[in-house]
């Protein structure tokens, strides 16, 4: 097997961390959007 240079290892790790951060941000944004929609619906409901 061919050795992978240190530059590519660093790059791969950074990309992996960025992907994980983006996934977590996406999940958080979806949850906040759902919460905002629920508040809007409750506010529009006279009950």
PDB file of N, CA and C in Angstrom:
ATOM      1  N   UNK A   1       0.844  -1.185   0.000  1.00  0.00           N
ATOM      2  CA  UNK A   1       0.000   0.000   0.000  1.00  0.00           C
ATOM      3  C   UNK A   1       0.883   1.240   0.000  1.00  0.00           C
ATOM      4  N   UNK A   2       0.458   2.219  -0.738  1.00  0.00           N
ATOM      5  CA  UNK A   2       1.219   3.453  -0.856  1.00  0.00           C
ATOM      6  C   UNK A   2       1.008   4.328   0.379  1.00  0.00           C
ATOM      7  N   UNK A   3       2.068   4.967   0.839  1.00  0.00           N
ATOM      8  CA  UNK A   3       1.958   5.869   1.975  1.00  0.00           C
ATOM      9  C   UNK A   3       1.266   7.164   1.564  1.00  0.00           C
ATOM     10  N   UNK A   4       0.433   7.654   2.456  1.00  0.00           N
ATOM     11  CA  UNK A   4      -0.262   8.920   2.209  1.00  0.00           C
ATOM     12  C   UNK A   4       0.556  10.028   2.862  1.00  0.00           C
ATOM     13  N   UNK A   5       0.767  11.102   2.122  1.00  0.00           N
ATOM     14  CA  UNK A   5       1.589  12.186   2.659  1.00  0.00           C
ATOM     15  C   UNK A   5       0.854  12.907   3.792  1.00  0.00           C
ATOM     16  N   UNK A   6       1.621  13.521   4.640  1.00  0.00           N
ATOM     17  CA  UNK A   6       1.089  14.226   5.809  1.00  0.00           C
ATOM     18  C   UNK A   6       0.103  15.326   5.398  1.00  0.00           C
ATOM     19  N   UNK A   7       0.358  15.977   4.268  1.00  0.00           N
ATOM     20  CA  UNK A   7      -0.537  17.052   3.814  1.00  0.00           C
ATOM     21  C   UNK A   7      -1.950  16.527   3.573  1.00  0.00           C
ATOM     22  N   UNK A   8      -2.045  15.360   2.940  1.00  0.00           N
ATOM     23  CA  UNK A   8      -3.357  14.796   2.643  1.00  0.00           C
ATOM     24  C   UNK A   8      -4.056  14.303   3.903  1.00  0.00           C
ATOM     25  N   UNK A   9      -3.303  13.816   4.845  1.00  0.00           N
ATOM     26  CA  UNK A   9      -3.897  13.388   6.116  1.00  0.00           C
ATOM     27  C   UNK A   9      -4.488  14.588   6.845  1.00  0.00           C
ATOM     28  N   UNK A  10      -3.736  15.676   6.888  1.00  0.00           N
ATOM     29  CA  UNK A  10      -4.226  16.902   7.534  1.00  0.00           C
ATOM     30  C   UNK A  10      -5.475  17.408   6.819  1.00  0.00           C
ATOM     31  N   UNK A  11      -5.427  17.434   5.492  1.00  0.00           N
ATOM     32  CA  UNK A  11      -6.568  17.895   4.705  1.00  0.00           C
ATOM     33  C   UNK A  11      -7.785  17.006   4.925  1.00  0.00           C
ATOM     34  N   UNK A  12      -7.600  15.701   4.901  1.00  0.00           N
ATOM     35  CA  UNK A  12      -8.703  14.769   5.106  1.00  0.00           C
ATOM     36  C   UNK A  12      -9.343  14.983   6.469  1.00  0.00           C
ATOM     37  N   UNK A  13      -8.523  15.129   7.502  1.00  0.00           N
ATOM     38  CA  UNK A  13      -9.056  15.334   8.847  1.00  0.00           C
ATOM     39  C   UNK A  13      -9.832  16.643   8.946  1.00  0.00           C
ATOM     40  N   UNK A  14      -9.326  17.697   8.321  1.00  0.00           N
ATOM     41  CA  UNK A  14     -10.017  18.987   8.348  1.00  0.00           C
ATOM     42  C   UNK A  14     -11.350  18.906   7.613  1.00  0.00           C
ATOM     43  N   UNK A  15     -11.368  18.231   6.483  1.00  0.00           N
ATOM     44  CA  UNK A  15     -12.610  18.079   5.724  1.00  0.00           C
ATOM     45  C   UNK A  15     -13.620  17.263   6.518  1.00  0.00           C
ATOM     46  N   UNK A  16     -13.165  16.209   7.160  1.00  0.00           N
ATOM     47  CA  UNK A  16     -14.053  15.382   7.971  1.00  0.00           C
ATOM     48  C   UNK A  16     -14.655  16.188   9.113  1.00  0.00           C
ATOM     49  N   UNK A  17     -13.839  16.974   9.796  1.00  0.00           N
ATOM     50  CA  UNK A  17     -14.342  17.816  10.884  1.00  0.00           C
ATOM     51  C   UNK A  17     -15.335  18.850  10.369  1.00  0.00           C
ATOM     52  N   UNK A  18     -15.058  19.437   9.215  1.00  0.00           N
ATOM     53  CA  UNK A  18     -15.970  20.428   8.634  1.00  0.00           C
ATOM     54  C   UNK A  18     -17.303  19.788   8.264  1.00  0.00           C
ATOM     55  N   UNK A  19     -17.265  18.589   7.708  1.00  0.00           N
ATOM     56  CA  UNK A  19     -18.504  17.882   7.369  1.00  0.00           C
ATOM     57  C   UNK A  19     -19.333  17.610   8.620  1.00  0.00           C
ATOM     58  N   UNK A  20     -18.687  17.201   9.687  1.00  0.00           N
ATOM     59  CA  UNK A  20     -19.397  16.931  10.937  1.00  0.00           C
ATOM     60  C   UNK A  20     -20.015  18.208  11.496  1.00  0.00           C
ATOM     61  N   UNK A  21     -19.276  19.315  11.426  1.00  0.00           N
ATOM     62  CA  UNK A  21     -19.795  20.594  11.909  1.00  0.00           C
ATOM     63  C   UNK A  21     -20.991  21.046  11.071  1.00  0.00           C
ATOM     64  N   UNK A  22     -20.912  20.872   9.763  1.00  0.00           N
ATOM     65  CA  UNK A  22     -22.030  21.239   8.890  1.00  0.00           C
ATOM     66  C   UNK A  22     -23.257  20.381   9.163  1.00  0.00           C
ATOM     67  N   UNK A  23     -23.049  19.096   9.401  1.00  0.00           N
ATOM     68  CA  UNK A  23     -24.170  18.203   9.710  1.00  0.00           C
ATOM     69  C   UNK A  23     -24.854  18.636  11.003  1.00  0.00           C
ATOM     70  N   UNK A  24     -24.048  18.946  12.029  1.00  0.00           N
ATOM     71  CA  UNK A  24     -24.604  19.375  13.309  1.00  0.00           C
ATOM     72  C   UNK A  24     -25.343  20.706  13.163  1.00  0.00           C
ATOM     73  N   UNK A  25     -24.791  21.615  12.376  1.00  0.00           N
ATOM     74  CA  UNK A  25     -25.441  22.903  12.137  1.00  0.00           C
ATOM     75  C   UNK A  25     -26.760  22.712  11.412  1.00  0.00           C
ATOM     76  N   UNK A  26     -26.775  21.831  10.433  1.00  0.00           N
ATOM     77  CA  UNK A  26     -28.012  21.545   9.691  1.00  0.00           C
ATOM     78  C   UNK A  26     -29.082  21.006  10.631  1.00  0.00           C
ATOM     79  N   UNK A  27     -28.718  20.070  11.491  1.00  0.00           N
ATOM     80  CA  UNK A  27     -29.679  19.504  12.439  1.00  0.00           C
ATOM     81  C   UNK A  27     -30.217  20.574  13.378  1.00  0.00           C
ATOM     82  N   UNK A  28     -29.336  21.455  13.843  1.00  0.00           N
ATOM     83  CA  UNK A  28     -29.754  22.527  14.743  1.00  0.00           C
ATOM     84  C   UNK A  28     -30.704  23.485  14.032  1.00  0.00           C
ATOM     85  N   UNK A  29     -30.393  23.845  12.787  1.00  0.00           N
ATOM     86  CA  UNK A  29     -31.252  24.751  12.031  1.00  0.00           C
ATOM     87  C   UNK A  29     -32.625  24.139  11.766  1.00  0.00           C
ATOM     88  N   UNK A  30     -32.664  22.859  11.477  1.00  0.00           N
ATOM     89  CA  UNK A  30     -33.946  22.186  11.261  1.00  0.00           C
ATOM     90  C   UNK A  30     -34.776  22.217  12.539  1.00  0.00           C
ATOM     91  N   UNK A  31     -34.150  21.940  13.672  1.00  0.00           N
ATOM     92  CA  UNK A  31     -34.867  21.943  14.948  1.00  0.00           C
ATOM     93  C   UNK A  31     -35.404  23.333  15.277  1.00  0.00           C
ATOM     94  N   UNK A  32     -34.607  24.359  15.035  1.00  0.00           N
ATOM     95  CA  UNK A  32     -35.040  25.726  15.322  1.00  0.00           C
ATOM     96  C   UNK A  32     -36.164  26.139  14.374  1.00  0.00           C
ATOM     97  N   UNK A  33     -36.062  25.744  13.119  1.00  0.00           N
ATOM     98  CA  UNK A  33     -37.130  26.057  12.165  1.00  0.00           C
ATOM     99  C   UNK A  33     -38.435  25.403  12.604  1.00  0.00           C
ATOM    100  N   UNK A  34     -38.377  24.149  13.033  1.00  0.00           N
ATOM    101  CA  UNK A  34     -39.579  23.455  13.488  1.00  0.00           C
ATOM    102  C   UNK A  34     -40.163  24.141  14.716  1.00  0.00           C
ATOM    103  N   UNK A  35     -39.300  24.576  15.627  1.00  0.00           N
ATOM    104  CA  UNK A  35     -39.761  25.274  16.823  1.00  0.00           C
ATOM    105  C   UNK A  35     -40.442  26.589  16.442  1.00  0.00           C
ATOM    106  N   UNK A  36     -39.851  27.331  15.520  1.00  0.00           N
ATOM    107  CA  UNK A  36     -40.436  28.597  15.078  1.00  0.00           C
ATOM    108  C   UNK A  36     -41.785  28.366  14.403  1.00  0.00           C
ATOM    109  N   UNK A  37     -41.885  27.320  13.601  1.00  0.00           N
ATOM    110  CA  UNK A  37     -43.153  27.010  12.939  1.00  0.00           C
ATOM    111  C   UNK A  37     -44.226  26.647  13.955  1.00  0.00           C
ATOM    112  N   UNK A  38     -43.862  25.884  14.980  1.00  0.00           N
ATOM    113  CA  UNK A  38     -44.820  25.523  16.025  1.00  0.00           C
ATOM    114  C   UNK A  38     -45.293  26.757  16.780  1.00  0.00           C
ATOM    115  N   UNK A  39     -44.388  27.669  17.089  1.00  0.00           N
ATOM    116  CA  UNK A  39     -44.772  28.905  17.772  1.00  0.00           C
ATOM    117  C   UNK A  39     -45.692  29.745  16.892  1.00  0.00           C
ATOM    118  N   UNK A  40     -45.404  29.809  15.613  1.00  0.00           N
ATOM    119  CA  UNK A  40     -46.241  30.568  14.682  1.00  0.00           C
ATOM    120  C   UNK A  40     -47.646  29.977  14.621  1.00  0.00           C
ATOM    121  N   UNK A  41     -47.720  28.655  14.522  1.00  0.00           N
ATOM    122  CA  UNK A  41     -49.022  27.989  14.442  1.00  0.00           C
ATOM    123  C   UNK A  41     -49.811  28.221  15.727  1.00  0.00           C
ATOM    124  N   UNK A  42     -49.164  28.109  16.862  1.00  0.00           N
ATOM    125  CA  UNK A  42     -49.840  28.348  18.141  1.00  0.00           C
ATOM    126  C   UNK A  42     -50.316  29.789  18.252  1.00  0.00           C
ATOM    127  N   UNK A  43     -49.507  30.718  17.740  1.00  0.00           N
ATOM    128  CA  UNK A  43     -49.889  32.129  17.782  1.00  0.00           C
ATOM    129  C   UNK A  43     -51.059  32.425  16.870  1.00  0.00           C
ATOM    130  N   UNK A  44     -51.192  31.700  15.783  1.00  0.00           N
ATOM    131  CA  UNK A  44     -52.288  31.904  14.844  1.00  0.00           C
ATOM    132  C   UNK A  44     -53.566  31.227  15.329  1.00  0.00           C
ATOM    133  N   UNK A  45     -53.440  30.279  16.248  1.00  0.00           N
ATOM    134  CA  UNK A  45     -54.586  29.544  16.780  1.00  0.00           C
ATOM    135  C   UNK A  45     -55.164  30.312  17.965  1.00  0.00           C
ATOM    136  N   UNK A  46     -56.454  30.672  17.947  1.00  0.00           N
ATOM    137  CA  UNK A  46     -57.027  31.438  19.055  1.00  0.00           C
ATOM    138  C   UNK A  46     -57.168  30.647  20.351  1.00  0.00           C
ATOM    139  N   UNK A  47     -57.012  29.343  20.330  1.00  0.00           N
ATOM    140  CA  UNK A  47     -57.188  28.522  21.540  1.00  0.00           C
ATOM    141  C   UNK A  47     -56.088  28.671  22.523  1.00  0.00           C
TER     142      UNK A  47
END
